[in-house]
Amino acid sequence: MIDPSVLFAIVAGLPSWLGTMILAALPIAELRLSLPVALIVYKLPPLTAYVYSVIGNMIPIVPILLLFGPAHKLLDNVWPFKPFFQWMVGRVEKHRHKFDKYGALALISFVAIPLPVTGAWTGSVAAFVFKVPRRQAFVMLLLGVMIAGVIVIGATYSGVMTHEALTNLKPAV
């Protein structure tokens, strides 16, 4: 697990829009971290934070969709890449029954539910494994990221409001 202070050190001193987009583009962070940082640390308006986070989260997706297949084909039998590809594809294959049953909705919901290892990076690998055409995959991944962004903004503000309410409680006399 990466120490969050390392991620913050990466974006320290950058303009808020750039720091937000870089955090959103990182595979560990994605918009699950970029949105709370943009809203709480950078104090960006919600719509601005949302747009920067969605764009940042989608920037690495295009190269992943374009290059994962050729990279997999080229490096699948080369150590240390072989164990990585086996691990990554194996993680995704566990969800094949959902994709077979629900199709596009499975990929969208997989990305939309903001849990660890369920973002656009892993969704891109899933699109490759399940042979989803690239353009269709991009649209599904974008929809999932957009839904996840709304959920993360709601959860962030809910957490902030709860913290403020608990902080302002006066003891019963």
N, C-alpha and C. Protein backbone atom coordinates (compact mmCIF):
# COMPACT_ATOMS: atom_id res chain seq x y z
N MET A 1 0.84 -1.18 0.00
CA MET A 1 0.00 0.00 0.00
C MET A 1 0.88 1.24 0.00
N ILE A 2 0.51 2.20 -0.80
CA ILE A 2 1.27 3.44 -0.89
C ILE A 2 0.82 4.39 0.22
N ASP A 3 1.79 5.00 0.87
CA ASP A 3 1.52 5.98 1.91
C ASP A 3 0.90 7.22 1.25
N PRO A 4 -0.27 7.68 1.74
CA PRO A 4 -0.89 8.86 1.13
C PRO A 4 0.01 10.09 1.12
N SER A 5 0.93 10.18 2.08
CA SER A 5 1.82 11.35 2.09
C SER A 5 2.70 11.37 0.84
N VAL A 6 2.99 10.19 0.28
CA VAL A 6 3.76 10.13 -0.96
C VAL A 6 2.94 10.73 -2.11
N LEU A 7 1.66 10.39 -2.15
CA LEU A 7 0.80 10.95 -3.19
C LEU A 7 0.67 12.46 -3.05
N PHE A 8 0.53 12.94 -1.81
CA PHE A 8 0.42 14.38 -1.60
C PHE A 8 1.72 15.08 -1.96
N ALA A 9 2.85 14.44 -1.71
CA ALA A 9 4.14 15.03 -2.06
C ALA A 9 4.27 15.19 -3.57
N ILE A 10 3.66 14.28 -4.31
CA ILE A 10 3.71 14.35 -5.78
C ILE A 10 3.03 15.63 -6.27
N VAL A 11 1.94 16.02 -5.64
CA VAL A 11 1.16 17.16 -6.13
C VAL A 11 1.40 18.44 -5.35
N ALA A 12 2.23 18.39 -4.30
CA ALA A 12 2.49 19.58 -3.50
C ALA A 12 3.08 20.68 -4.37
N GLY A 13 2.54 21.86 -4.22
CA GLY A 13 3.06 23.01 -4.95
C GLY A 13 2.51 23.17 -6.37
N LEU A 14 1.74 22.20 -6.84
CA LEU A 14 1.15 22.31 -8.17
C LEU A 14 -0.15 23.11 -8.10
N PRO A 15 -0.57 23.71 -9.20
CA PRO A 15 -1.89 24.35 -9.20
C PRO A 15 -2.96 23.31 -8.88
N SER A 16 -4.03 23.76 -8.25
CA SER A 16 -5.08 22.83 -7.80
C SER A 16 -5.65 21.98 -8.92
N TRP A 17 -5.83 22.56 -10.10
CA TRP A 17 -6.41 21.80 -11.21
C TRP A 17 -5.47 20.67 -11.63
N LEU A 18 -4.17 20.97 -11.66
CA LEU A 18 -3.19 19.97 -12.09
C LEU A 18 -3.02 18.89 -11.03
N GLY A 19 -2.94 19.29 -9.77
CA GLY A 19 -2.83 18.31 -8.68
C GLY A 19 -4.02 17.37 -8.66
N THR A 20 -5.22 17.93 -8.88
CA THR A 20 -6.44 17.12 -8.92
C THR A 20 -6.38 16.12 -10.07
N MET A 21 -5.99 16.59 -11.23
CA MET A 21 -5.94 15.70 -12.40
C MET A 21 -4.88 14.61 -12.25
N ILE A 22 -3.73 14.96 -11.68
CA ILE A 22 -2.67 13.95 -11.49
C ILE A 22 -3.13 12.89 -10.50
N LEU A 23 -3.71 13.30 -9.37
CA LEU A 23 -4.20 12.31 -8.40
C LEU A 23 -5.26 11.40 -9.05
N ALA A 24 -6.13 11.99 -9.86
CA ALA A 24 -7.18 11.20 -10.51
C ALA A 24 -6.61 10.22 -11.52
N ALA A 25 -5.46 10.55 -12.11
CA ALA A 25 -4.86 9.68 -13.12
C ALA A 25 -4.08 8.51 -12.52
N LEU A 26 -3.74 8.60 -11.24
CA LEU A 26 -2.95 7.53 -10.60
C LEU A 26 -3.81 6.29 -10.36
N PRO A 27 -3.26 5.11 -10.61
CA PRO A 27 -4.07 3.89 -10.47
C PRO A 27 -4.53 3.60 -9.04
N ILE A 28 -3.76 3.97 -8.06
CA ILE A 28 -4.15 3.70 -6.67
C ILE A 28 -5.20 4.70 -6.21
N ALA A 29 -5.06 5.95 -6.63
CA ALA A 29 -5.90 7.02 -6.13
C ALA A 29 -7.20 7.16 -6.93
N GLU A 30 -7.08 7.37 -8.21
CA GLU A 30 -8.18 7.70 -9.10
C GLU A 30 -9.00 8.82 -8.48
N LEU A 31 -10.27 8.91 -8.81
CA LEU A 31 -11.04 10.04 -8.26
C LEU A 31 -11.52 9.80 -6.84
N ARG A 32 -11.29 8.61 -6.30
CA ARG A 32 -11.63 8.35 -4.91
C ARG A 32 -10.79 9.21 -3.97
N LEU A 33 -9.60 9.59 -4.42
CA LEU A 33 -8.74 10.47 -3.64
C LEU A 33 -8.75 11.89 -4.20
N SER A 34 -8.78 12.02 -5.52
CA SER A 34 -8.67 13.36 -6.11
C SER A 34 -9.85 14.25 -5.73
N LEU A 35 -11.05 13.71 -5.67
CA LEU A 35 -12.20 14.54 -5.33
C LEU A 35 -12.16 15.04 -3.89
N PRO A 36 -11.95 14.17 -2.89
CA PRO A 36 -11.85 14.70 -1.53
C PRO A 36 -10.72 15.74 -1.38
N VAL A 37 -9.58 15.50 -2.02
CA VAL A 37 -8.47 16.47 -1.94
C VAL A 37 -8.88 17.77 -2.61
N ALA A 38 -9.50 17.69 -3.77
CA ALA A 38 -9.91 18.90 -4.48
C ALA A 38 -10.94 19.70 -3.68
N LEU A 39 -11.87 19.00 -3.03
CA LEU A 39 -12.93 19.68 -2.29
C LEU A 39 -12.46 20.20 -0.93
N ILE A 40 -11.68 19.40 -0.22
CA ILE A 40 -11.32 19.74 1.16
C ILE A 40 -10.00 20.52 1.23
N VAL A 41 -8.99 20.05 0.52
CA VAL A 41 -7.67 20.68 0.59
C VAL A 41 -7.60 21.89 -0.33
N TYR A 42 -7.93 21.68 -1.61
CA TYR A 42 -7.85 22.77 -2.58
C TYR A 42 -9.05 23.71 -2.52
N LYS A 43 -10.14 23.29 -1.87
CA LYS A 43 -11.35 24.11 -1.75
C LYS A 43 -11.94 24.48 -3.12
N LEU A 44 -11.84 23.56 -4.07
CA LEU A 44 -12.43 23.80 -5.38
C LEU A 44 -13.95 23.66 -5.30
N PRO A 45 -14.68 24.39 -6.14
CA PRO A 45 -16.13 24.17 -6.21
C PRO A 45 -16.41 22.74 -6.68
N PRO A 46 -17.52 22.14 -6.24
CA PRO A 46 -17.79 20.74 -6.58
C PRO A 46 -17.77 20.43 -8.08
N LEU A 47 -18.38 21.27 -8.89
CA LEU A 47 -18.40 20.99 -10.33
C LEU A 47 -17.00 21.06 -10.93
N THR A 48 -16.21 22.01 -10.50
CA THR A 48 -14.83 22.14 -10.99
C THR A 48 -14.01 20.92 -10.58
N ALA A 49 -14.13 20.53 -9.32
CA ALA A 49 -13.40 19.35 -8.82
C ALA A 49 -13.83 18.11 -9.59
N TYR A 50 -15.11 17.99 -9.85
CA TYR A 50 -15.67 16.84 -10.57
C TYR A 50 -15.10 16.77 -11.99
N VAL A 51 -15.12 17.89 -12.70
CA VAL A 51 -14.65 17.91 -14.09
C VAL A 51 -13.16 17.56 -14.15
N TYR A 52 -12.35 18.20 -13.30
CA TYR A 52 -10.91 17.90 -13.30
C TYR A 52 -10.65 16.44 -12.94
N SER A 53 -11.40 15.90 -12.00
CA SER A 53 -11.19 14.51 -11.57
C SER A 53 -11.59 13.52 -12.67
N VAL A 54 -12.72 13.77 -13.30
CA VAL A 54 -13.16 12.87 -14.38
C VAL A 54 -12.17 12.91 -15.54
N ILE A 55 -11.76 14.10 -15.94
CA ILE A 55 -10.78 14.21 -17.03
C ILE A 55 -9.48 13.51 -16.64
N GLY A 56 -8.98 13.80 -15.45
CA GLY A 56 -7.74 13.18 -15.00
C GLY A 56 -7.84 11.66 -14.93
N ASN A 57 -8.98 11.16 -14.47
CA ASN A 57 -9.17 9.71 -14.36
C ASN A 57 -9.23 9.05 -15.73
N MET A 58 -9.72 9.76 -16.73
CA MET A 58 -9.86 9.18 -18.07
C MET A 58 -8.61 9.32 -18.93
N ILE A 59 -7.70 10.22 -18.60
CA ILE A 59 -6.50 10.43 -19.43
C ILE A 59 -5.71 9.13 -19.63
N PRO A 60 -5.41 8.35 -18.58
CA PRO A 60 -4.63 7.12 -18.83
C PRO A 60 -5.44 6.00 -19.47
N ILE A 61 -6.75 6.14 -19.51
CA ILE A 61 -7.60 5.06 -20.02
C ILE A 61 -7.41 4.87 -21.52
N VAL A 62 -7.27 5.95 -22.26
CA VAL A 62 -7.09 5.83 -23.72
C VAL A 62 -5.84 5.01 -24.04
N PRO A 63 -4.66 5.36 -23.48
CA PRO A 63 -3.49 4.52 -23.77
C PRO A 63 -3.64 3.08 -23.28
N ILE A 64 -4.31 2.89 -22.13
CA ILE A 64 -4.49 1.53 -21.64
C ILE A 64 -5.34 0.73 -22.63
N LEU A 65 -6.44 1.32 -23.08
CA LEU A 65 -7.31 0.61 -24.03
C LEU A 65 -6.57 0.31 -25.33
N LEU A 66 -5.73 1.23 -25.76
CA LEU A 66 -5.01 1.05 -27.02
C LEU A 66 -3.81 0.11 -26.90
N LEU A 67 -3.13 0.14 -25.75
CA LEU A 67 -1.84 -0.55 -25.65
C LEU A 67 -1.83 -1.81 -24.79
N PHE A 68 -2.86 -2.05 -23.99
CA PHE A 68 -2.81 -3.23 -23.12
C PHE A 68 -2.77 -4.52 -23.94
N GLY A 69 -3.57 -4.60 -24.98
CA GLY A 69 -3.59 -5.80 -25.83
C GLY A 69 -2.23 -6.09 -26.44
N PRO A 70 -1.63 -5.12 -27.17
CA PRO A 70 -0.30 -5.37 -27.74
C PRO A 70 0.76 -5.64 -26.67
N ALA A 71 0.69 -4.93 -25.55
CA ALA A 71 1.68 -5.17 -24.48
C ALA A 71 1.51 -6.57 -23.91
N HIS A 72 0.28 -6.99 -23.73
CA HIS A 72 0.00 -8.33 -23.21
C HIS A 72 0.55 -9.38 -24.16
N LYS A 73 0.30 -9.19 -25.45
CA LYS A 73 0.77 -10.15 -26.46
C LYS A 73 2.30 -10.20 -26.50
N LEU A 74 2.94 -9.06 -26.41
CA LEU A 74 4.39 -8.96 -26.50
C LEU A 74 5.09 -9.46 -25.24
N LEU A 75 4.53 -9.15 -24.07
CA LEU A 75 5.23 -9.39 -22.81
C LEU A 75 4.67 -10.54 -21.97
N ASP A 76 3.65 -11.21 -22.46
CA ASP A 76 2.98 -12.24 -21.67
C ASP A 76 3.90 -13.38 -21.26
N ASN A 77 4.92 -13.66 -22.04
CA ASN A 77 5.83 -14.76 -21.69
C ASN A 77 7.19 -14.27 -21.19
N VAL A 78 7.27 -13.01 -20.82
CA VAL A 78 8.53 -12.43 -20.35
C VAL A 78 8.43 -12.16 -18.86
N TRP A 79 9.38 -12.71 -18.11
CA TRP A 79 9.41 -12.42 -16.68
C TRP A 79 9.96 -11.02 -16.51
N PRO A 80 9.49 -10.15 -15.67
CA PRO A 80 8.49 -10.29 -14.61
C PRO A 80 7.09 -9.93 -15.05
N PHE A 81 6.88 -9.70 -16.33
CA PHE A 81 5.57 -9.27 -16.80
C PHE A 81 4.53 -10.39 -16.78
N LYS A 82 4.98 -11.62 -17.03
CA LYS A 82 4.05 -12.74 -17.07
C LYS A 82 3.24 -12.88 -15.77
N PRO A 83 3.90 -12.88 -14.60
CA PRO A 83 3.11 -12.98 -13.36
C PRO A 83 2.15 -11.80 -13.18
N PHE A 84 2.60 -10.60 -13.60
CA PHE A 84 1.73 -9.43 -13.49
C PHE A 84 0.50 -9.60 -14.35
N PHE A 85 0.67 -9.98 -15.62
CA PHE A 85 -0.47 -10.16 -16.51
C PHE A 85 -1.38 -11.28 -16.01
N GLN A 86 -0.80 -12.37 -15.52
CA GLN A 86 -1.62 -13.46 -15.00
C GLN A 86 -2.44 -13.00 -13.80
N TRP A 87 -1.80 -12.24 -12.91
CA TRP A 87 -2.50 -11.73 -11.73
C TRP A 87 -3.63 -10.79 -12.15
N MET A 88 -3.32 -9.85 -13.05
CA MET A 88 -4.31 -8.85 -13.46
C MET A 88 -5.48 -9.50 -14.20
N VAL A 89 -5.19 -10.35 -15.14
CA VAL A 89 -6.25 -11.02 -15.90
C VAL A 89 -7.04 -11.95 -14.98
N GLY A 90 -6.36 -12.63 -14.07
CA GLY A 90 -7.04 -13.52 -13.12
C GLY A 90 -8.03 -12.77 -12.23
N ARG A 91 -7.64 -11.57 -11.78
CA ARG A 91 -8.53 -10.75 -10.94
C ARG A 91 -9.80 -10.40 -11.71
N VAL A 92 -9.64 -10.08 -12.97
CA VAL A 92 -10.77 -9.67 -13.79
C VAL A 92 -11.65 -10.88 -14.15
N GLU A 93 -11.01 -12.01 -14.46
CA GLU A 93 -11.75 -13.22 -14.86
C GLU A 93 -12.74 -13.66 -13.79
N LYS A 94 -12.46 -13.35 -12.52
CA LYS A 94 -13.37 -13.72 -11.44
C LYS A 94 -14.75 -13.10 -11.62
N HIS A 95 -14.81 -12.04 -12.42
CA HIS A 95 -16.08 -11.33 -12.61
C HIS A 95 -16.74 -11.65 -13.95
N ARG A 96 -16.23 -12.66 -14.65
CA ARG A 96 -16.77 -13.00 -15.97
C ARG A 96 -18.26 -13.31 -15.92
N HIS A 97 -18.71 -14.03 -14.90
CA HIS A 97 -20.14 -14.40 -14.84
C HIS A 97 -21.02 -13.14 -14.78
N LYS A 98 -20.56 -12.09 -14.11
CA LYS A 98 -21.33 -10.84 -14.06
C LYS A 98 -21.37 -10.19 -15.44
N PHE A 99 -20.22 -10.19 -16.12
CA PHE A 99 -20.17 -9.57 -17.44
C PHE A 99 -21.03 -10.36 -18.42
N ASP A 100 -20.95 -11.68 -18.36
CA ASP A 100 -21.77 -12.50 -19.25
C ASP A 100 -23.26 -12.27 -19.02
N LYS A 101 -23.63 -12.05 -17.77
CA LYS A 101 -25.05 -11.86 -17.43
C LYS A 101 -25.53 -10.44 -17.72
N TYR A 102 -24.73 -9.43 -17.36
CA TYR A 102 -25.20 -8.05 -17.42
C TYR A 102 -24.55 -7.20 -18.52
N GLY A 103 -23.52 -7.71 -19.16
CA GLY A 103 -22.87 -7.00 -20.26
C GLY A 103 -22.34 -5.64 -19.86
N ALA A 104 -22.73 -4.61 -20.61
CA ALA A 104 -22.24 -3.26 -20.41
C ALA A 104 -22.51 -2.76 -19.00
N LEU A 105 -23.67 -3.09 -18.45
CA LEU A 105 -24.01 -2.64 -17.10
C LEU A 105 -23.01 -3.16 -16.06
N ALA A 106 -22.48 -4.35 -16.29
CA ALA A 106 -21.50 -4.90 -15.35
C ALA A 106 -20.24 -4.06 -15.34
N LEU A 107 -19.76 -3.68 -16.51
CA LEU A 107 -18.54 -2.88 -16.60
C LEU A 107 -18.78 -1.48 -16.02
N ILE A 108 -19.90 -0.88 -16.36
CA ILE A 108 -20.22 0.45 -15.82
C ILE A 108 -20.30 0.40 -14.30
N SER A 109 -21.03 -0.57 -13.76
CA SER A 109 -21.19 -0.64 -12.30
C SER A 109 -19.88 -1.01 -11.61
N PHE A 110 -19.06 -1.82 -12.25
CA PHE A 110 -17.76 -2.18 -11.68
C PHE A 110 -16.91 -0.94 -11.46
N VAL A 111 -16.95 -0.03 -12.41
CA VAL A 111 -16.18 1.20 -12.31
C VAL A 111 -16.90 2.22 -11.42
N ALA A 112 -18.22 2.23 -11.46
CA ALA A 112 -19.00 3.24 -10.74
C ALA A 112 -18.98 3.07 -9.23
N ILE A 113 -18.83 1.86 -8.75
CA ILE A 113 -18.84 1.64 -7.31
C ILE A 113 -17.44 1.96 -6.79
N PRO A 114 -17.31 3.06 -6.04
CA PRO A 114 -15.97 3.52 -5.66
C PRO A 114 -15.35 2.73 -4.50
N LEU A 115 -14.92 1.54 -4.82
CA LEU A 115 -14.22 0.69 -3.86
C LEU A 115 -12.79 0.51 -4.34
N PRO A 116 -11.89 0.08 -3.46
CA PRO A 116 -10.52 -0.17 -3.92
C PRO A 116 -10.48 -1.20 -5.05
N VAL A 117 -9.69 -0.96 -6.04
CA VAL A 117 -9.42 -1.83 -7.19
C VAL A 117 -10.66 -2.05 -8.06
N THR A 118 -11.57 -1.07 -8.09
CA THR A 118 -12.72 -1.21 -8.98
C THR A 118 -12.86 -0.02 -9.92
N GLY A 119 -11.79 0.70 -10.16
CA GLY A 119 -11.87 1.91 -10.96
C GLY A 119 -11.66 1.69 -12.44
N ALA A 120 -11.38 2.78 -13.11
CA ALA A 120 -11.24 2.77 -14.57
C ALA A 120 -10.02 1.99 -15.03
N TRP A 121 -8.95 1.99 -14.24
CA TRP A 121 -7.76 1.22 -14.63
C TRP A 121 -8.10 -0.27 -14.74
N THR A 122 -8.68 -0.82 -13.69
CA THR A 122 -9.06 -2.23 -13.70
C THR A 122 -10.18 -2.48 -14.70
N GLY A 123 -11.09 -1.51 -14.82
CA GLY A 123 -12.16 -1.63 -15.81
C GLY A 123 -11.62 -1.71 -17.23
N SER A 124 -10.52 -1.02 -17.50
CA SER A 124 -9.89 -1.08 -18.83
C SER A 124 -9.35 -2.47 -19.11
N VAL A 125 -8.76 -3.07 -18.10
CA VAL A 125 -8.27 -4.45 -18.25
C VAL A 125 -9.45 -5.39 -18.46
N ALA A 126 -10.53 -5.17 -17.72
CA ALA A 126 -11.73 -5.99 -17.89
C ALA A 126 -12.26 -5.87 -19.31
N ALA A 127 -12.27 -4.67 -19.84
CA ALA A 127 -12.74 -4.47 -21.22
C ALA A 127 -11.87 -5.27 -22.20
N PHE A 128 -10.56 -5.32 -21.96
CA PHE A 128 -9.67 -6.11 -22.81
C PHE A 128 -9.99 -7.60 -22.67
N VAL A 129 -10.08 -8.07 -21.43
CA VAL A 129 -10.31 -9.50 -21.18
C VAL A 129 -11.65 -9.95 -21.77
N PHE A 130 -12.67 -9.11 -21.65
CA PHE A 130 -14.00 -9.48 -22.13
C PHE A 130 -14.23 -9.08 -23.58
N LYS A 131 -13.15 -8.60 -24.23
CA LYS A 131 -13.17 -8.27 -25.66
C LYS A 131 -14.25 -7.23 -26.03
N VAL A 132 -14.36 -6.20 -25.20
CA VAL A 132 -15.28 -5.10 -25.48
C VAL A 132 -14.59 -4.18 -26.49
N PRO A 133 -15.27 -3.83 -27.58
CA PRO A 133 -14.66 -2.90 -28.53
C PRO A 133 -14.21 -1.61 -27.83
N ARG A 134 -13.08 -1.06 -28.25
CA ARG A 134 -12.46 0.07 -27.54
C ARG A 134 -13.38 1.26 -27.37
N ARG A 135 -14.06 1.67 -28.42
CA ARG A 135 -14.94 2.85 -28.31
C ARG A 135 -16.08 2.60 -27.32
N GLN A 136 -16.66 1.43 -27.41
CA GLN A 136 -17.73 1.07 -26.48
C GLN A 136 -17.18 1.01 -25.05
N ALA A 137 -16.00 0.45 -24.89
CA ALA A 137 -15.38 0.37 -23.56
C ALA A 137 -15.13 1.77 -23.01
N PHE A 138 -14.63 2.67 -23.85
CA PHE A 138 -14.37 4.03 -23.38
C PHE A 138 -15.64 4.68 -22.86
N VAL A 139 -16.74 4.53 -23.59
CA VAL A 139 -18.01 5.13 -23.17
C VAL A 139 -18.48 4.51 -21.85
N MET A 140 -18.39 3.19 -21.74
CA MET A 140 -18.81 2.53 -20.50
C MET A 140 -17.95 2.96 -19.32
N LEU A 141 -16.64 3.04 -19.54
CA LEU A 141 -15.73 3.45 -18.48
C LEU A 141 -15.99 4.91 -18.08
N LEU A 142 -16.23 5.76 -19.06
CA LEU A 142 -16.54 7.17 -18.77
C LEU A 142 -17.82 7.28 -17.94
N LEU A 143 -18.84 6.54 -18.32
CA LEU A 143 -20.09 6.56 -17.53
C LEU A 143 -19.84 6.09 -16.10
N GLY A 144 -19.07 5.02 -15.96
CA GLY A 144 -18.76 4.51 -14.63
C GLY A 144 -17.99 5.52 -13.80
N VAL A 145 -17.01 6.18 -14.41
CA VAL A 145 -16.22 7.20 -13.70
C VAL A 145 -17.11 8.37 -13.30
N MET A 146 -18.01 8.78 -14.18
CA MET A 146 -18.90 9.90 -13.88
C MET A 146 -19.83 9.56 -12.71
N ILE A 147 -20.35 8.35 -12.70
CA ILE A 147 -21.22 7.93 -11.58
C ILE A 147 -20.41 7.86 -10.29
N ALA A 148 -19.22 7.28 -10.37
CA ALA A 148 -18.36 7.20 -9.18
C ALA A 148 -18.05 8.59 -8.64
N GLY A 149 -17.84 9.55 -9.52
CA GLY A 149 -17.57 10.92 -9.10
C GLY A 149 -18.71 11.51 -8.29
N VAL A 150 -19.93 11.29 -8.74
CA VAL A 150 -21.10 11.78 -8.01
C VAL A 150 -21.17 11.12 -6.63
N ILE A 151 -20.93 9.82 -6.58
CA ILE A 151 -20.96 9.09 -5.30
C ILE A 151 -19.87 9.61 -4.36
N VAL A 152 -18.67 9.83 -4.88
CA VAL A 152 -17.56 10.29 -4.03
C VAL A 152 -17.81 11.71 -3.53
N ILE A 153 -18.36 12.58 -4.36
CA ILE A 153 -18.69 13.93 -3.89
C ILE A 153 -19.73 13.84 -2.77
N GLY A 154 -20.76 13.02 -2.97
CA GLY A 154 -21.77 12.86 -1.92
C GLY A 154 -21.18 12.32 -0.63
N ALA A 155 -20.33 11.31 -0.74
CA ALA A 155 -19.70 10.72 0.45
C ALA A 155 -18.77 11.72 1.13
N THR A 156 -18.05 12.49 0.33
CA THR A 156 -17.13 13.49 0.89
C THR A 156 -17.90 14.54 1.67
N TYR A 157 -18.93 15.09 1.07
CA TYR A 157 -19.71 16.12 1.78
C TYR A 157 -20.45 15.54 2.97
N SER A 158 -20.90 14.32 2.85
CA SER A 158 -21.55 13.67 3.99
C SER A 158 -20.57 13.53 5.15
N GLY A 159 -19.35 13.10 4.84
CA GLY A 159 -18.33 12.97 5.88
C GLY A 159 -17.95 14.31 6.49
N VAL A 160 -17.82 15.34 5.65
CA VAL A 160 -17.48 16.67 6.15
C VAL A 160 -18.59 17.20 7.05
N MET A 161 -19.84 17.05 6.62
CA MET A 161 -20.96 17.54 7.43
C MET A 161 -21.07 16.78 8.74
N THR A 162 -20.84 15.48 8.70
CA THR A 162 -20.87 14.68 9.93
C THR A 162 -19.77 15.12 10.88
N HIS A 163 -18.59 15.33 10.35
CA HIS A 163 -17.46 15.80 11.17
C HIS A 163 -17.78 17.14 11.81
N GLU A 164 -18.31 18.06 11.02
CA GLU A 164 -18.64 19.38 11.55
C GLU A 164 -19.73 19.29 12.61
N ALA A 165 -20.74 18.46 12.38
CA ALA A 165 -21.82 18.30 13.36
C ALA A 165 -21.29 17.73 14.67
N LEU A 166 -20.43 16.72 14.57
CA LEU A 166 -19.88 16.11 15.78
C LEU A 166 -18.93 17.06 16.50
N THR A 167 -18.21 17.86 15.75
CA THR A 167 -17.29 18.82 16.34
C THR A 167 -18.02 19.92 17.09
N ASN A 168 -19.21 20.28 16.60
CA ASN A 168 -19.97 21.39 17.19
C ASN A 168 -20.95 20.94 18.27
N LEU A 169 -20.96 19.63 18.58
CA LEU A 169 -21.86 19.16 19.64
C LEU A 169 -21.45 19.76 20.98
N LYS A 170 -22.45 20.18 21.72
CA LYS A 170 -22.17 20.67 23.06
C LYS A 170 -22.56 19.58 24.04
N PRO A 171 -21.72 19.37 25.07
CA PRO A 171 -22.04 18.32 26.02
C PRO A 171 -23.34 18.61 26.76
N ALA A 172 -24.10 17.55 27.01
CA ALA A 172 -25.36 17.69 27.76
C ALA A 172 -25.02 18.04 29.20
N VAL A 173 -25.79 18.96 29.76
CA VAL A 173 -25.55 19.38 31.14
C VAL A 173 -26.51 18.71 32.08
